[in-house]
Amino acid sequence: MSEIVQRGRAVDASGPLSPTQRLGTGALAAAVVAVCILLLCLPLKLPVGPMYWDLVVYLDGAQRVLSGQIPSVDFFAPVGPLGYWLFAAGETLFPRAQPLLLVQWTFLAITLPPLLPVLAGVERQSRLRALALFVPFLVFQLAPMNVEQYSSFPGVDGYGIYNRQATELLFVLTAALVFERRQRVMLFVIAWCCIALFLSKITGFAAGGMLCAFAFLAGRVSLRTALASLAAFGLALVALDAGTGLVRAYLGDILLLVSMNEGVLLSRFLQAGSVHFGIFGSGVLLLVALVAIDRRSIASAAGALLRHPSPGRCAALFDRDAAWVAAALFTGLFFETQNTGGQAFIFLWPILLAIVVAAPRLATVPMIAVLTLTAATYLPPLVDVVHRTIRAIGGEAKTVAIPGPHLKSLGAVTQKPEIVASARNLIANYQRFPEAYQAFADARQLPSYFMYSDVEFQVAWLLATEDAVSSILAYEARTGERFQTIMSLNFVNPYPYLLDRQAPRRIAIGADPFRAVPPPDAETLATVAATDLVLYPTCPVTAANVRLREIYAPALTGHREVRLSPCWIGLLRQPAS
């Protein structure tokens, strides 16, 4: 019988702790939520990091939700609707909040409800074990940082947010599958997490399904619980679709994205493994060590299953440390094949914690090997996220606010003064040498492969966004016109949010024209044609912006071109004659 099964039985056999002993994780969770609420009420600022503009996808999505639009039904989104709904609610409750902290911390409303009952069960046996499970989760949940690093400057990660949210949910799901024995709690956690994963990111949902399927093979999830979870999941989606039509539209969007991003799966597995080799490689070595330690038991269980197949013998083979590590590593690698940022493999921790708890039962040399490889697998990303978070907070003393009186909460950012000065020089060069950047765009190439990761570019984009809003307001003041609907031929469109206007329906948000903008249909083109103002950025011209203008060109023939500022061309809808 596996170590994990034995630990599970030991948990069930132990007596409950006194009420005062149960306060650990519950009190910590309450304190964390209280502190988050307090900080979200304050006008905090964060240092701009690489690809910070990805955050605007949430501002755009939330603005659309608050104006009555339904994700996937009324606009094409790169991920599920849950994040936009949650961010819209958060903006309503905390209008002064820093938006990256808001999108990060409001997700506690999704992760804590299924995690707390699991922690309570663990805490009945060991408060230290419960805290060891909970504290790493809180680090990743609260810190707006990815395990990847694209800049040497202190700053926060405004990209990969939906990937972070998916892995945080997978952490909760894995914790339940490893430590929970009460099938009612298991039913609640599986149903809750699978619904949230489906509505967050479909590859996260697929990864969660893999973990649940393995837990079923390992005997952790009963057939009754599996069927009830599936029924709860199906009923929730049927109810949601009946009221909104969202689920059908969302599935259609997923199929479109898949068709636009076809590639060789093997190469993506190799890429994900190489990017996260520090975690994945150490995890594979740990797997090898666990198989070597448990090889006789594995061979015996495999032989018994082959001779006399049964659910019990299947569980005896799969419910062991090596099998859990293998399943989690494969699931994590599969999930990362579709990601360019996030908190890769953080959901390994519940499995690794169970291994650490059982390690003292091993002989000295195997125990040292297992503990060393466990630490090598999980400590580097954990320490790195903590280090970068502290560095970003500590570096605030040497930063200045990025000027942007019209940027609302998007402008709650800072950076080093030399970077802000460099960003101003970038804009000046975009304006002085437009032919150079047009040449790069004509060649379908960026001036620098990592341009969007450069902190200077992100600061320059914020300065240019402020210029766009000021120019629009100045033009409206001069002419008496008012642009009720605004669209941007750029990756993101913050202007309806910043100007309290409307965003046109049917178009894609997070508009990467090479991966996430489907060919517009007649209804989409009609919506774009009816848009009052379409913004085209020229600081700098990029291949992506040129391509977006080409995609929507049939709908822009009725717009006249006006130079709003050196960095912005406005395409104004002509009134019907």
Protein backbone atom coordinates (compact mmCIF):
# COMPACT_ATOMS: atom_id res chain seq x y z
CA MET A 1 0.00 0.00 0.00
CA SER A 2 1.39 3.42 -0.94
CA GLU A 3 2.73 5.98 1.48
CA ILE A 4 0.06 8.49 0.47
CA VAL A 5 -2.76 6.02 1.15
CA GLN A 6 -1.25 5.19 4.53
CA ARG A 7 -0.99 8.87 5.35
CA GLY A 8 -4.60 9.33 4.32
CA ARG A 9 -5.73 6.56 6.68
CA ALA A 10 -3.64 8.05 9.47
CA VAL A 11 -5.40 11.36 8.96
CA ASP A 12 -8.80 9.75 9.24
CA ALA A 13 -7.83 7.82 12.37
CA SER A 14 -6.51 10.75 14.39
CA GLY A 15 -8.72 12.66 16.80
CA PRO A 16 -9.77 16.26 16.26
CA LEU A 17 -7.94 19.18 17.80
CA SER A 18 -9.48 21.62 20.22
CA PRO A 19 -11.24 24.74 18.86
CA THR A 20 -8.28 26.96 19.73
CA GLN A 21 -6.00 24.72 17.72
CA ARG A 22 -8.15 25.16 14.61
CA LEU A 23 -7.54 28.89 14.28
CA GLY A 24 -4.28 28.73 12.30
CA THR A 25 -5.12 28.78 8.60
CA GLY A 26 -8.62 30.19 9.07
CA ALA A 27 -7.30 33.14 11.06
CA LEU A 28 -4.49 33.67 8.56
CA ALA A 29 -6.96 33.62 5.65
CA ALA A 30 -9.20 36.15 7.39
CA ALA A 31 -6.23 38.41 8.11
CA VAL A 32 -5.00 38.19 4.51
CA VAL A 33 -8.43 39.06 3.12
CA ALA A 34 -8.74 42.00 5.54
CA VAL A 35 -5.33 43.38 4.58
CA CYS A 36 -6.11 42.97 0.87
CA ILE A 37 -9.38 44.86 1.25
CA LEU A 38 -7.61 47.65 3.11
CA LEU A 39 -4.86 47.96 0.51
CA LEU A 40 -7.35 47.90 -2.36
CA CYS A 41 -9.01 50.95 -0.82
CA LEU A 42 -5.75 52.89 -1.05
CA PRO A 43 -4.28 54.60 -4.15
CA LEU A 44 -1.18 52.41 -4.33
CA LYS A 45 1.33 52.49 -7.18
CA LEU A 46 3.48 49.68 -8.61
CA PRO A 47 6.60 49.79 -10.80
CA VAL A 48 5.89 49.03 -14.45
CA GLY A 49 7.24 45.70 -15.63
CA PRO A 50 7.56 43.88 -18.97
CA MET A 51 4.42 43.56 -21.09
CA TYR A 52 2.46 45.54 -18.53
CA TRP A 53 -0.06 46.52 -21.19
CA ASP A 54 -1.56 43.01 -21.06
CA LEU A 55 -3.39 44.24 -17.97
CA VAL A 56 -5.48 46.52 -20.19
CA VAL A 57 -7.25 43.43 -21.55
CA TYR A 58 -8.94 43.18 -18.14
CA LEU A 59 -9.76 46.90 -18.06
CA ASP A 60 -11.26 46.62 -21.54
CA GLY A 61 -13.17 43.43 -20.73
CA ALA A 62 -14.51 44.82 -17.45
CA GLN A 63 -15.58 48.07 -19.12
CA ARG A 64 -17.52 46.05 -21.68
CA VAL A 65 -19.12 43.87 -18.99
CA LEU A 66 -20.21 46.94 -17.00
CA SER A 67 -21.73 48.41 -20.18
CA GLY A 68 -23.83 45.27 -20.68
CA GLN A 69 -21.70 43.25 -23.08
CA ILE A 70 -21.33 39.49 -22.63
CA PRO A 71 -17.89 37.91 -23.23
CA SER A 72 -17.71 35.71 -26.33
CA VAL A 73 -21.27 36.73 -27.26
CA ASP A 74 -20.56 40.44 -27.74
CA PHE A 75 -16.77 40.41 -28.12
CA PHE A 76 -14.05 37.92 -28.95
CA ALA A 77 -11.86 37.21 -25.92
CA PRO A 78 -8.59 35.24 -25.66
CA VAL A 79 -9.75 33.48 -22.48
CA GLY A 80 -12.91 32.75 -20.50
CA PRO A 81 -15.25 35.32 -18.97
CA LEU A 82 -14.62 34.72 -15.24
CA GLY A 83 -11.69 37.11 -14.96
CA TYR A 84 -13.61 39.95 -16.62
CA TRP A 85 -16.65 39.45 -14.42
CA LEU A 86 -14.54 39.35 -11.28
CA PHE A 87 -12.53 42.41 -12.28
CA ALA A 88 -15.69 44.34 -13.11
CA ALA A 89 -17.07 43.56 -9.65
CA GLY A 90 -13.76 44.54 -8.09
CA GLU A 91 -13.69 47.87 -9.92
CA THR A 92 -17.18 48.62 -8.65
CA LEU A 93 -16.18 47.87 -5.05
CA PHE A 94 -12.66 49.34 -5.14
CA PRO A 95 -12.55 52.19 -7.69
CA ARG A 96 -9.21 53.50 -6.34
CA ALA A 97 -7.40 50.16 -6.43
CA GLN A 98 -4.22 49.54 -8.38
CA PRO A 99 -5.60 47.38 -11.23
CA LEU A 100 -2.93 44.67 -11.14
CA LEU A 101 -3.41 44.18 -7.40
CA LEU A 102 -7.16 44.19 -7.98
CA VAL A 103 -7.08 41.45 -10.61
CA GLN A 104 -4.63 39.41 -8.52
CA TRP A 105 -6.32 39.67 -5.13
CA THR A 106 -9.97 39.48 -6.09
CA PHE A 107 -9.23 35.97 -7.34
CA LEU A 108 -9.10 34.96 -3.67
CA ALA A 109 -12.90 34.93 -3.94
CA ILE A 110 -12.50 31.96 -6.29
CA THR A 111 -9.60 30.08 -4.69
CA LEU A 112 -10.32 30.38 -0.96
CA PRO A 113 -13.82 28.79 -0.81
CA PRO A 114 -12.62 25.37 -2.06
CA LEU A 115 -9.24 25.55 -0.30
CA LEU A 116 -10.36 26.42 3.23
CA PRO A 117 -12.27 23.18 3.96
CA VAL A 118 -9.27 21.18 2.73
CA LEU A 119 -6.97 23.15 4.99
CA ALA A 120 -9.33 22.63 7.91
CA GLY A 121 -9.13 18.87 7.41
CA VAL A 122 -5.32 18.95 7.27
CA GLU A 123 -5.15 21.22 10.29
CA ARG A 124 -7.04 18.74 12.45
CA GLN A 125 -3.90 16.63 12.29
CA SER A 126 -1.12 19.20 12.07
CA ARG A 127 -1.26 22.98 12.08
CA LEU A 128 2.31 23.08 10.79
CA ARG A 129 1.38 20.89 7.83
CA ALA A 130 -1.64 23.05 7.05
CA LEU A 131 0.47 26.21 7.16
CA ALA A 132 3.12 24.53 5.01
CA LEU A 133 0.39 23.93 2.44
CA PHE A 134 -1.22 27.36 2.74
CA VAL A 135 1.73 29.77 2.92
CA PRO A 136 3.30 28.89 -0.47
CA PHE A 137 -0.15 29.18 -2.02
CA LEU A 138 -0.53 32.67 -0.55
CA VAL A 139 2.86 33.74 -1.87
CA PHE A 140 1.89 32.90 -5.43
CA GLN A 141 -1.70 34.10 -5.07
CA LEU A 142 -0.77 37.51 -3.66
CA ALA A 143 2.39 38.33 -5.62
CA PRO A 144 1.77 39.71 -9.14
CA MET A 145 4.81 37.87 -10.42
CA ASN A 146 5.51 35.05 -12.86
CA VAL A 147 8.19 32.42 -12.50
CA GLU A 148 9.64 33.63 -15.82
CA GLN A 149 11.68 36.83 -15.86
CA TYR A 150 11.83 39.09 -18.92
CA SER A 151 13.50 42.15 -17.42
CA SER A 152 16.38 42.87 -15.07
CA PHE A 153 14.67 46.01 -13.76
CA PRO A 154 12.42 45.86 -10.69
CA GLY A 155 8.80 45.72 -11.79
CA VAL A 156 5.59 43.72 -11.65
CA ASP A 157 4.25 41.32 -14.26
CA GLY A 158 1.07 42.54 -15.88
CA TYR A 159 1.09 39.62 -18.34
CA GLY A 160 0.23 35.94 -17.90
CA ILE A 161 -2.49 36.81 -15.40
CA TYR A 162 -4.96 34.21 -16.62
CA ASN A 163 -2.19 31.59 -16.60
CA ARG A 164 -1.43 32.45 -12.98
CA GLN A 165 -5.08 32.15 -12.07
CA ALA A 166 -5.35 28.74 -13.71
CA THR A 167 -2.32 27.33 -11.87
CA GLU A 168 -3.58 28.75 -8.57
CA LEU A 169 -6.84 26.86 -9.11
CA LEU A 170 -4.87 23.73 -10.04
CA PHE A 171 -2.99 24.13 -6.73
CA VAL A 172 -6.30 24.08 -4.85
CA LEU A 173 -7.55 21.09 -6.83
CA THR A 174 -4.33 19.14 -6.27
CA ALA A 175 -4.39 19.91 -2.55
CA ALA A 176 -7.85 18.36 -2.31
CA LEU A 177 -6.94 15.32 -4.40
CA VAL A 178 -3.87 14.63 -2.25
CA PHE A 179 -5.04 15.49 1.27
CA GLU A 180 -8.83 15.30 1.32
CA ARG A 181 -10.68 12.09 2.20
CA ARG A 182 -14.24 13.34 2.70
CA GLN A 183 -16.01 12.68 -0.57
CA ARG A 184 -18.55 15.47 -0.05
CA VAL A 185 -15.74 18.00 0.25
CA MET A 186 -14.04 16.40 -2.74
CA LEU A 187 -17.23 16.76 -4.77
CA PHE A 188 -17.49 20.45 -3.92
CA VAL A 189 -13.83 21.19 -4.68
CA ILE A 190 -13.77 19.30 -7.99
CA ALA A 191 -17.01 20.84 -9.25
CA TRP A 192 -16.04 24.36 -8.13
CA CYS A 193 -12.50 24.23 -9.54
CA CYS A 194 -13.53 22.65 -12.84
CA ILE A 195 -16.26 25.24 -13.44
CA ALA A 196 -13.84 28.06 -12.56
CA LEU A 197 -11.09 26.58 -14.75
CA PHE A 198 -13.47 26.17 -17.69
CA LEU A 199 -14.57 29.80 -17.35
CA SER A 200 -10.97 31.01 -16.93
CA LYS A 201 -8.76 29.20 -19.43
CA ILE A 202 -9.65 26.08 -21.36
CA THR A 203 -6.16 24.56 -21.19
CA GLY A 204 -6.32 24.92 -17.42
CA PHE A 205 -9.60 23.05 -17.47
CA ALA A 206 -8.00 20.29 -19.56
CA ALA A 207 -5.11 20.09 -17.07
CA GLY A 208 -7.57 19.87 -14.18
CA GLY A 209 -9.40 17.08 -15.97
CA MET A 210 -6.14 15.16 -16.28
CA LEU A 211 -5.48 15.46 -12.55
CA CYS A 212 -9.02 14.37 -11.69
CA ALA A 213 -8.80 11.40 -14.05
CA PHE A 214 -5.55 10.30 -12.44
CA ALA A 215 -7.03 10.71 -8.94
CA PHE A 216 -9.93 8.49 -10.02
CA LEU A 217 -7.48 5.81 -11.21
CA ALA A 218 -5.63 6.12 -7.93
CA GLY A 219 -8.82 5.52 -5.97
CA ARG A 220 -8.94 8.98 -4.43
CA VAL A 221 -12.20 9.95 -6.14
CA SER A 222 -15.08 7.50 -5.93
CA LEU A 223 -17.25 6.75 -8.95
CA ARG A 224 -20.19 8.40 -7.21
CA THR A 225 -18.19 11.57 -6.55
CA ALA A 226 -16.89 11.64 -10.12
CA LEU A 227 -20.37 11.34 -11.61
CA ALA A 228 -21.83 13.90 -9.20
CA SER A 229 -19.02 16.36 -9.99
CA LEU A 230 -19.61 15.89 -13.72
CA ALA A 231 -23.34 16.45 -13.24
CA ALA A 232 -22.79 19.62 -11.20
CA PHE A 233 -20.39 20.94 -13.81
CA GLY A 234 -22.79 20.20 -16.65
CA LEU A 235 -25.81 21.70 -14.90
CA ALA A 236 -23.92 24.90 -14.10
CA LEU A 237 -22.89 25.38 -17.71
CA VAL A 238 -26.36 24.54 -19.05
CA ALA A 239 -27.90 27.11 -16.70
CA LEU A 240 -25.33 29.74 -17.70
CA ASP A 241 -25.83 29.10 -21.40
CA ALA A 242 -29.60 29.13 -21.12
CA GLY A 243 -29.54 32.64 -19.71
CA THR A 244 -26.81 34.16 -21.86
CA GLY A 245 -25.77 31.89 -24.74
CA LEU A 246 -22.24 32.36 -23.45
CA VAL A 247 -21.09 28.73 -23.31
CA ARG A 248 -21.86 28.01 -26.96
CA ALA A 249 -20.20 31.26 -28.04
CA TYR A 250 -17.19 30.55 -25.80
CA LEU A 251 -16.72 27.09 -27.28
CA GLY A 252 -16.90 28.64 -30.74
CA ASP A 253 -14.16 31.12 -29.78
CA ILE A 254 -12.01 28.25 -28.50
CA LEU A 255 -12.33 26.38 -31.78
CA LEU A 256 -11.38 29.54 -33.68
CA LEU A 257 -8.30 30.06 -31.51
CA VAL A 258 -7.25 26.45 -31.96
CA SER A 259 -7.55 26.73 -35.74
CA MET A 260 -5.48 29.95 -35.70
CA ASN A 261 -2.72 28.49 -33.50
CA GLU A 262 -2.13 25.05 -34.95
CA GLY A 263 1.42 23.86 -34.43
CA VAL A 264 3.58 20.83 -33.76
CA LEU A 265 2.68 19.66 -30.27
CA LEU A 266 6.01 17.89 -29.72
CA SER A 267 7.98 21.09 -30.33
CA ARG A 268 5.79 22.92 -27.82
CA PHE A 269 6.43 20.24 -25.20
CA LEU A 270 10.17 20.60 -25.82
CA GLN A 271 9.93 24.38 -25.58
CA ALA A 272 7.96 24.27 -22.33
CA GLY A 273 10.38 21.74 -20.86
CA SER A 274 13.40 23.87 -21.76
CA VAL A 275 11.89 27.14 -20.50
CA HIS A 276 11.06 25.54 -17.15
CA PHE A 277 13.93 23.09 -16.99
CA GLY A 278 14.90 24.22 -13.49
CA ILE A 279 11.57 22.93 -12.17
CA PHE A 280 10.83 20.19 -14.66
CA GLY A 281 14.34 18.74 -14.73
CA SER A 282 14.57 18.57 -10.95
CA GLY A 283 11.09 17.06 -10.86
CA VAL A 284 12.12 14.34 -13.31
CA LEU A 285 15.17 13.52 -11.17
CA LEU A 286 12.89 13.30 -8.14
CA LEU A 287 10.61 10.97 -10.10
CA VAL A 288 13.57 8.75 -10.98
CA ALA A 289 14.63 8.62 -7.33
CA LEU A 290 11.10 7.73 -6.17
CA VAL A 291 10.79 4.96 -8.76
CA ALA A 292 14.17 3.56 -7.72
CA ILE A 293 13.18 3.59 -4.05
CA ASP A 294 9.78 2.00 -4.68
CA ARG A 295 10.69 -0.23 -7.64
CA ARG A 296 9.86 -3.57 -5.99
CA SER A 297 6.45 -2.40 -4.84
CA ILE A 298 5.73 -0.87 -8.25
CA ALA A 299 6.68 -4.12 -10.03
CA SER A 300 4.56 -6.17 -7.65
CA ALA A 301 1.53 -3.90 -8.00
CA ALA A 302 1.85 -3.79 -11.80
CA GLY A 303 2.05 -7.58 -11.97
CA ALA A 304 -0.98 -8.01 -9.73
CA LEU A 305 -3.00 -5.59 -11.87
CA LEU A 306 -2.06 -7.37 -15.08
CA ARG A 307 -2.95 -10.78 -13.66
CA HIS A 308 -6.23 -9.78 -12.01
CA PRO A 309 -7.44 -6.30 -13.09
CA SER A 310 -9.62 -4.56 -10.50
CA PRO A 311 -10.18 -1.02 -9.16
CA GLY A 312 -8.36 -1.89 -5.95
CA ARG A 313 -5.26 -3.15 -7.75
CA CYS A 314 -5.37 -0.15 -10.09
CA ALA A 315 -5.38 2.15 -7.05
CA ALA A 316 -2.53 0.17 -5.49
CA LEU A 317 -0.40 0.79 -8.57
CA PHE A 318 -1.20 4.44 -9.17
CA ASP A 319 -1.68 5.83 -5.67
CA ARG A 320 1.98 6.26 -4.84
CA ASP A 321 4.38 9.19 -4.73
CA ALA A 322 6.16 8.43 -8.01
CA ALA A 323 2.91 8.15 -9.96
CA TRP A 324 1.55 11.42 -8.52
CA VAL A 325 4.76 13.26 -9.40
CA ALA A 326 4.70 11.82 -12.93
CA ALA A 327 1.06 12.81 -13.44
CA ALA A 328 1.63 16.35 -12.15
CA LEU A 329 4.77 16.86 -14.23
CA PHE A 330 3.02 15.76 -17.42
CA THR A 331 -0.05 17.87 -16.63
CA GLY A 332 2.07 20.92 -15.87
CA LEU A 333 4.11 20.49 -19.03
CA PHE A 334 0.94 20.13 -21.11
CA PHE A 335 -0.47 23.33 -19.62
CA GLU A 336 2.74 25.26 -20.27
CA THR A 337 2.80 24.33 -23.98
CA GLN A 338 0.25 27.11 -24.54
CA ASN A 339 1.73 29.75 -22.22
CA THR A 340 4.34 32.50 -22.42
CA GLY A 341 4.09 33.55 -18.78
CA GLY A 342 2.60 32.40 -15.51
CA GLN A 343 3.37 30.40 -12.40
CA ALA A 344 4.39 27.13 -13.96
CA PHE A 345 4.17 23.91 -11.92
CA ILE A 346 3.25 25.61 -8.62
CA PHE A 347 0.53 22.97 -8.09
CA LEU A 348 3.26 20.37 -7.51
CA TRP A 349 3.58 21.57 -3.93
CA PRO A 350 0.75 19.56 -2.29
CA ILE A 351 2.29 16.38 -3.75
CA LEU A 352 5.79 17.40 -2.71
CA LEU A 353 4.59 18.27 0.79
CA ALA A 354 3.10 14.79 1.15
CA ILE A 355 6.45 13.36 0.07
CA VAL A 356 8.35 15.53 2.57
CA VAL A 357 6.03 14.43 5.39
CA ALA A 358 6.69 10.76 4.60
CA ALA A 359 10.44 11.13 3.93
CA PRO A 360 11.60 10.42 7.54
CA ARG A 361 10.31 6.85 7.11
CA LEU A 362 12.99 6.23 4.49
CA ALA A 363 16.57 5.16 5.10
CA THR A 364 19.08 7.98 5.50
CA VAL A 365 20.53 8.12 1.97
CA PRO A 366 17.18 7.84 0.13
CA MET A 367 15.68 10.40 2.51
CA ILE A 368 18.47 12.91 1.82
CA ALA A 369 18.11 12.36 -1.94
CA VAL A 370 14.34 12.82 -1.87
CA LEU A 371 14.44 15.94 0.33
CA THR A 372 17.23 17.49 -1.74
CA LEU A 373 15.44 16.92 -5.03
CA THR A 374 12.14 18.15 -3.58
CA ALA A 375 13.83 21.37 -2.49
CA ALA A 376 15.54 21.70 -5.89
CA THR A 377 12.18 21.34 -7.61
CA TYR A 378 10.15 23.87 -5.66
CA LEU A 379 12.38 26.31 -3.80
CA PRO A 380 13.91 28.16 -6.80
CA PRO A 381 10.61 29.49 -8.24
CA LEU A 382 9.24 30.23 -4.77
CA VAL A 383 12.37 32.11 -3.70
CA ASP A 384 12.56 33.93 -7.03
CA VAL A 385 8.98 35.20 -6.80
CA VAL A 386 9.54 36.35 -3.21
CA HIS A 387 12.84 38.01 -4.18
CA ARG A 388 11.39 39.87 -7.15
CA THR A 389 8.37 41.00 -5.13
CA ILE A 390 10.54 42.39 -2.33
CA ARG A 391 12.83 44.01 -4.88
CA ALA A 392 9.89 45.69 -6.62
CA ILE A 393 8.56 46.99 -3.30
CA GLY A 394 11.99 48.09 -2.07
CA GLY A 395 12.79 49.79 -5.35
CA GLU A 396 9.79 52.10 -5.02
CA ALA A 397 11.95 54.53 -3.05
CA LYS A 398 13.96 55.24 -6.21
CA THR A 399 11.06 55.53 -8.65
CA VAL A 400 8.91 58.40 -9.86
CA ALA A 401 5.27 58.46 -10.89
CA ILE A 402 4.67 58.20 -14.63
CA PRO A 403 2.81 61.39 -15.62
CA GLY A 404 -0.71 60.60 -16.76
CA PRO A 405 -3.53 62.73 -15.37
CA HIS A 406 -6.02 61.06 -17.74
CA LEU A 407 -4.94 57.45 -17.14
CA LYS A 408 -7.15 56.75 -14.11
CA SER A 409 -6.07 53.60 -12.26
CA LEU A 410 -3.99 52.51 -15.27
CA GLY A 411 -1.66 55.35 -14.33
CA ALA A 412 -1.06 54.03 -10.80
CA VAL A 413 2.47 53.08 -11.81
CA THR A 414 6.05 54.21 -11.31
CA GLN A 415 9.51 53.54 -12.70
CA LYS A 416 13.05 54.80 -12.32
CA PRO A 417 13.49 58.37 -13.57
CA GLU A 418 16.14 57.32 -16.07
CA ILE A 419 13.73 54.83 -17.62
CA VAL A 420 11.00 57.47 -17.88
CA ALA A 421 13.52 59.79 -19.56
CA SER A 422 14.54 56.98 -21.92
CA ALA A 423 10.87 56.38 -22.77
CA ARG A 424 10.46 60.05 -23.69
CA ASN A 425 13.48 59.76 -25.97
CA LEU A 426 11.93 56.67 -27.58
CA ILE A 427 8.80 58.64 -28.44
CA ALA A 428 10.89 61.50 -29.81
CA ASN A 429 12.75 59.06 -32.06
CA TYR A 430 9.49 57.44 -33.19
CA GLN A 431 8.36 60.90 -34.30
CA ARG A 432 11.68 61.98 -35.89
CA PHE A 433 12.37 58.79 -37.84
CA PRO A 434 9.01 57.29 -38.84
CA GLU A 435 10.47 55.84 -42.06
CA ALA A 436 12.81 53.56 -40.10
CA TYR A 437 9.99 52.01 -38.09
CA GLN A 438 7.76 51.82 -41.16
CA ALA A 439 10.50 49.81 -42.85
CA PHE A 440 10.51 47.32 -39.97
CA ALA A 441 6.71 47.11 -40.16
CA ASP A 442 6.81 46.55 -43.92
CA ALA A 443 9.20 43.66 -43.33
CA ARG A 444 6.76 42.22 -40.73
CA GLN A 445 9.43 42.62 -38.10
CA LEU A 446 9.83 44.46 -34.79
CA PRO A 447 12.78 46.84 -34.27
CA SER A 448 13.74 44.51 -31.41
CA TYR A 449 12.53 40.95 -30.89
CA PHE A 450 11.89 41.73 -27.21
CA MET A 451 10.46 45.22 -27.77
CA TYR A 452 7.21 44.57 -25.92
CA SER A 453 9.18 43.16 -22.96
CA ASP A 454 11.28 46.31 -22.64
CA VAL A 455 10.20 48.38 -19.68
CA GLU A 456 11.08 51.55 -21.63
CA PHE A 457 8.58 50.58 -24.33
CA GLN A 458 5.85 49.94 -21.75
CA VAL A 459 6.45 53.35 -20.15
CA ALA A 460 6.50 54.96 -23.59
CA TRP A 461 3.20 53.27 -24.39
CA LEU A 462 1.66 54.73 -21.23
CA LEU A 463 2.94 58.20 -22.15
CA ALA A 464 1.55 57.77 -25.67
CA THR A 465 -1.79 56.65 -24.22
CA GLU A 466 -1.94 59.82 -22.15
CA ASP A 467 -1.19 61.78 -25.31
CA ALA A 468 -4.02 60.01 -27.15
CA VAL A 469 -6.59 60.84 -24.47
CA SER A 470 -5.44 64.48 -24.28
CA SER A 471 -5.56 64.78 -28.07
CA ILE A 472 -9.08 63.33 -28.28
CA LEU A 473 -10.36 65.70 -25.61
CA ALA A 474 -8.66 68.66 -27.29
CA TYR A 475 -10.16 67.75 -30.68
CA GLU A 476 -13.63 67.37 -29.17
CA ALA A 477 -13.28 70.75 -27.43
CA ARG A 478 -12.26 72.42 -30.72
CA THR A 479 -14.94 70.88 -32.91
CA GLY A 480 -17.81 70.23 -30.53
CA GLU A 481 -17.91 66.57 -31.61
CA ARG A 482 -18.13 63.69 -29.15
CA PHE A 483 -16.93 60.20 -30.00
CA GLN A 484 -19.27 57.80 -28.27
CA THR A 485 -17.61 54.61 -29.52
CA ILE A 486 -13.82 54.29 -29.73
CA MET A 487 -11.66 51.52 -31.15
CA SER A 488 -7.87 51.20 -31.30
CA LEU A 489 -5.87 49.45 -34.02
CA ASN A 490 -3.46 48.26 -31.38
CA PHE A 491 -3.03 45.28 -29.10
CA VAL A 492 -5.20 46.85 -26.39
CA ASN A 493 -7.91 49.49 -26.27
CA PRO A 494 -8.00 51.40 -22.96
CA TYR A 495 -9.82 54.45 -24.35
CA PRO A 496 -13.45 53.55 -23.63
CA TYR A 497 -12.39 52.96 -20.01
CA LEU A 498 -10.30 56.12 -19.77
CA LEU A 499 -12.90 58.36 -21.44
CA ASP A 500 -16.07 56.70 -20.10
CA ARG A 501 -17.21 55.83 -23.62
CA GLN A 502 -18.26 52.61 -25.33
CA ALA A 503 -16.18 49.96 -27.08
CA PRO A 504 -17.55 48.56 -30.34
CA ARG A 505 -19.07 45.09 -30.09
CA ARG A 506 -17.93 41.99 -31.94
CA ILE A 507 -14.22 42.86 -32.19
CA ALA A 508 -11.39 41.00 -30.44
CA ILE A 509 -9.80 42.28 -27.25
CA GLY A 510 -6.14 41.50 -26.68
CA ALA A 511 -5.84 41.94 -30.44
CA ASP A 512 -2.79 40.02 -31.57
CA PRO A 513 -3.59 39.92 -35.31
CA PHE A 514 -1.32 36.93 -35.91
CA ARG A 515 -2.79 34.70 -33.18
CA ALA A 516 -6.03 36.01 -31.71
CA VAL A 517 -8.01 38.09 -34.23
CA PRO A 518 -10.34 35.98 -36.36
CA PRO A 519 -11.34 37.16 -39.83
CA PRO A 520 -14.20 39.63 -39.30
CA ASP A 521 -17.64 38.59 -40.45
CA ALA A 522 -20.25 40.93 -41.90
CA GLU A 523 -21.67 41.84 -38.49
CA THR A 524 -18.21 42.69 -37.14
CA LEU A 525 -17.40 44.86 -40.15
CA ALA A 526 -20.73 46.66 -39.77
CA THR A 527 -19.94 47.36 -36.10
CA VAL A 528 -16.50 48.74 -36.96
CA ALA A 529 -18.00 50.85 -39.76
CA ALA A 530 -20.37 52.38 -37.20
CA THR A 531 -17.56 53.22 -34.73
CA ASP A 532 -17.17 56.96 -34.22
CA LEU A 533 -13.39 57.01 -33.77
CA VAL A 534 -10.77 54.43 -34.75
CA LEU A 535 -7.29 55.21 -33.44
CA TYR A 536 -4.17 54.27 -35.38
CA PRO A 537 -0.88 54.62 -33.46
CA THR A 538 2.28 55.80 -35.20
CA CYS A 539 4.72 55.88 -32.24
CA PRO A 540 5.87 53.51 -33.55
CA VAL A 541 4.16 51.94 -36.53
CA THR A 542 4.39 48.16 -36.07
CA ALA A 543 3.61 45.15 -38.21
CA ALA A 544 0.81 44.18 -35.84
CA ASN A 545 -0.88 47.58 -36.10
CA VAL A 546 -0.50 47.58 -39.88
CA ARG A 547 -2.06 44.13 -40.01
CA LEU A 548 -4.99 45.20 -37.81
CA ARG A 549 -5.66 48.10 -40.16
CA GLU A 550 -5.61 45.68 -43.10
CA ILE A 551 -8.02 43.29 -41.37
CA TYR A 552 -10.59 46.00 -40.70
CA ALA A 553 -9.91 48.06 -43.86
CA PRO A 554 -13.21 47.10 -45.58
CA ALA A 555 -15.09 48.69 -42.68
CA LEU A 556 -13.01 51.89 -42.62
CA THR A 557 -13.73 53.21 -46.10
CA GLY A 558 -16.34 55.56 -44.67
CA HIS A 559 -13.93 57.12 -42.16
CA ARG A 560 -11.82 60.20 -42.84
CA GLU A 561 -8.26 60.47 -41.56
CA VAL A 562 -7.31 63.23 -39.09
CA ARG A 563 -3.92 63.74 -37.46
CA LEU A 564 -4.76 64.10 -33.77
CA SER A 565 -1.14 64.36 -32.62
CA PRO A 566 2.33 63.37 -33.88
CA CYS A 567 1.70 59.89 -32.45
CA TRP A 568 -1.93 59.32 -33.35
CA ILE A 569 -4.07 59.24 -36.47
CA GLY A 570 -7.80 59.36 -35.92
CA LEU A 571 -10.17 57.68 -38.39
CA LEU A 572 -13.46 59.55 -37.94
CA ARG A 573 -16.78 58.12 -39.03
CA GLN A 574 -18.41 60.25 -41.67
CA PRO A 575 -22.10 61.00 -41.11
CA ALA A 576 -24.45 59.25 -43.51
CA SER A 577 -25.35 61.48 -46.43
